[in-house]
């Protein structure tokens, strides 16, 4: 079994809620919007409003596959 890491964060963003929601749920473009963190994001399954994704992210100088 893999070790699990759970990270949470909070940000105050001065923008309309709809704009923020549209940005953070545009998973396929996250590498464009957040290039220092999201290296690769692929949607592997869609079921209504539920998505399964595979991603390669960078945090604390290390690359992780999710």
C-alpha atoms as a PDB file:
ATOM      1  CA  UNK A   1       0.000   0.000   0.000  1.00  0.00           C
ATOM      2  CA  UNK A   2       1.247   3.473  -0.852  1.00  0.00           C
ATOM      3  CA  UNK A   3       1.762   6.105   1.786  1.00  0.00           C
ATOM      4  CA  UNK A   4      -0.809   8.855   1.416  1.00  0.00           C
ATOM      5  CA  UNK A   5      -0.159  12.558   1.693  1.00  0.00           C
ATOM      6  CA  UNK A   6      -3.047  14.943   2.296  1.00  0.00           C
ATOM      7  CA  UNK A   7      -2.433  18.638   1.674  1.00  0.00           C
ATOM      8  CA  UNK A   8      -4.879  21.473   2.194  1.00  0.00           C
ATOM      9  CA  UNK A   9      -4.592  25.191   1.675  1.00  0.00           C
ATOM     10  CA  UNK A  10      -6.575  28.400   1.702  1.00  0.00           C
ATOM     11  CA  UNK A  11      -6.334  31.486  -0.449  1.00  0.00           C
ATOM     12  CA  UNK A  12      -8.239  34.754  -0.540  1.00  0.00           C
ATOM     13  CA  UNK A  13      -8.860  35.639  -4.174  1.00  0.00           C
ATOM     14  CA  UNK A  14     -10.312  38.939  -5.326  1.00  0.00           C
ATOM     15  CA  UNK A  15     -12.328  37.672  -8.279  1.00  0.00           C
ATOM     16  CA  UNK A  16     -15.898  36.593  -8.952  1.00  0.00           C
ATOM     17  CA  UNK A  17     -16.605  33.114  -7.547  1.00  0.00           C
ATOM     18  CA  UNK A  18     -17.731  31.856 -10.968  1.00  0.00           C
ATOM     19  CA  UNK A  19     -14.401  32.862 -12.570  1.00  0.00           C
ATOM     20  CA  UNK A  20     -12.390  31.143  -9.834  1.00  0.00           C
ATOM     21  CA  UNK A  21     -14.523  27.983 -10.056  1.00  0.00           C
ATOM     22  CA  UNK A  22     -14.126  27.852 -13.852  1.00  0.00           C
ATOM     23  CA  UNK A  23     -10.355  28.198 -13.543  1.00  0.00           C
ATOM     24  CA  UNK A  24      -9.787  25.591 -10.834  1.00  0.00           C
ATOM     25  CA  UNK A  25     -12.070  23.026 -12.487  1.00  0.00           C
ATOM     26  CA  UNK A  26     -10.378  23.335 -15.893  1.00  0.00           C
ATOM     27  CA  UNK A  27      -8.111  20.386 -15.098  1.00  0.00           C
ATOM     28  CA  UNK A  28      -6.744  19.875 -18.607  1.00  0.00           C
ATOM     29  CA  UNK A  29      -5.369  23.438 -18.655  1.00  0.00           C
ATOM     30  CA  UNK A  30      -3.888  23.437 -15.153  1.00  0.00           C
ATOM     31  CA  UNK A  31      -0.323  23.092 -16.514  1.00  0.00           C
ATOM     32  CA  UNK A  32      -0.933  26.343 -18.431  1.00  0.00           C
ATOM     33  CA  UNK A  33      -2.432  28.183 -15.443  1.00  0.00           C
ATOM     34  CA  UNK A  34      -0.150  26.712 -12.747  1.00  0.00           C
ATOM     35  CA  UNK A  35       3.097  25.712 -14.543  1.00  0.00           C
ATOM     36  CA  UNK A  36       5.202  25.583 -11.365  1.00  0.00           C
ATOM     37  CA  UNK A  37       2.882  23.007  -9.779  1.00  0.00           C
ATOM     38  CA  UNK A  38       0.868  21.128 -12.431  1.00  0.00           C
ATOM     39  CA  UNK A  39       3.213  19.444 -14.879  1.00  0.00           C
ATOM     40  CA  UNK A  40       0.683  17.167 -16.586  1.00  0.00           C
ATOM     41  CA  UNK A  41      -3.042  16.504 -16.099  1.00  0.00           C
ATOM     42  CA  UNK A  42      -5.127  13.993 -18.056  1.00  0.00           C
ATOM     43  CA  UNK A  43      -8.785  13.141 -17.625  1.00  0.00           C
ATOM     44  CA  UNK A  44      -9.075   9.353 -17.833  1.00  0.00           C
ATOM     45  CA  UNK A  45     -12.800   8.983 -17.096  1.00  0.00           C
ATOM     46  CA  UNK A  46     -15.902  11.167 -17.065  1.00  0.00           C
ATOM     47  CA  UNK A  47     -19.127  10.156 -15.321  1.00  0.00           C
ATOM     48  CA  UNK A  48     -21.548  13.073 -15.224  1.00  0.00           C
ATOM     49  CA  UNK A  49     -19.860  15.757 -13.145  1.00  0.00           C
ATOM     50  CA  UNK A  50     -17.320  13.306 -11.682  1.00  0.00           C
ATOM     51  CA  UNK A  51     -13.860  13.030 -13.196  1.00  0.00           C
ATOM     52  CA  UNK A  52     -11.000  10.622 -12.712  1.00  0.00           C
ATOM     53  CA  UNK A  53      -7.665  12.209 -13.506  1.00  0.00           C
ATOM     54  CA  UNK A  54      -4.018  11.240 -13.680  1.00  0.00           C
ATOM     55  CA  UNK A  55      -1.577  14.018 -12.939  1.00  0.00           C
ATOM     56  CA  UNK A  56       2.080  14.790 -12.489  1.00  0.00           C
ATOM     57  CA  UNK A  57       2.600  17.612  -9.993  1.00  0.00           C
ATOM     58  CA  UNK A  58       5.571  19.299  -8.381  1.00  0.00           C
ATOM     59  CA  UNK A  59       5.669  20.149  -4.700  1.00  0.00           C
ATOM     60  CA  UNK A  60       8.583  20.877  -2.384  1.00  0.00           C
ATOM     61  CA  UNK A  61      10.965  20.329  -5.309  1.00  0.00           C
ATOM     62  CA  UNK A  62       9.746  16.790  -6.025  1.00  0.00           C
ATOM     63  CA  UNK A  63       7.601  15.381  -8.827  1.00  0.00           C
ATOM     64  CA  UNK A  64       4.613  13.236  -7.810  1.00  0.00           C
ATOM     65  CA  UNK A  65       2.273  11.152  -9.966  1.00  0.00           C
ATOM     66  CA  UNK A  66      -1.355  11.178  -8.831  1.00  0.00           C
END
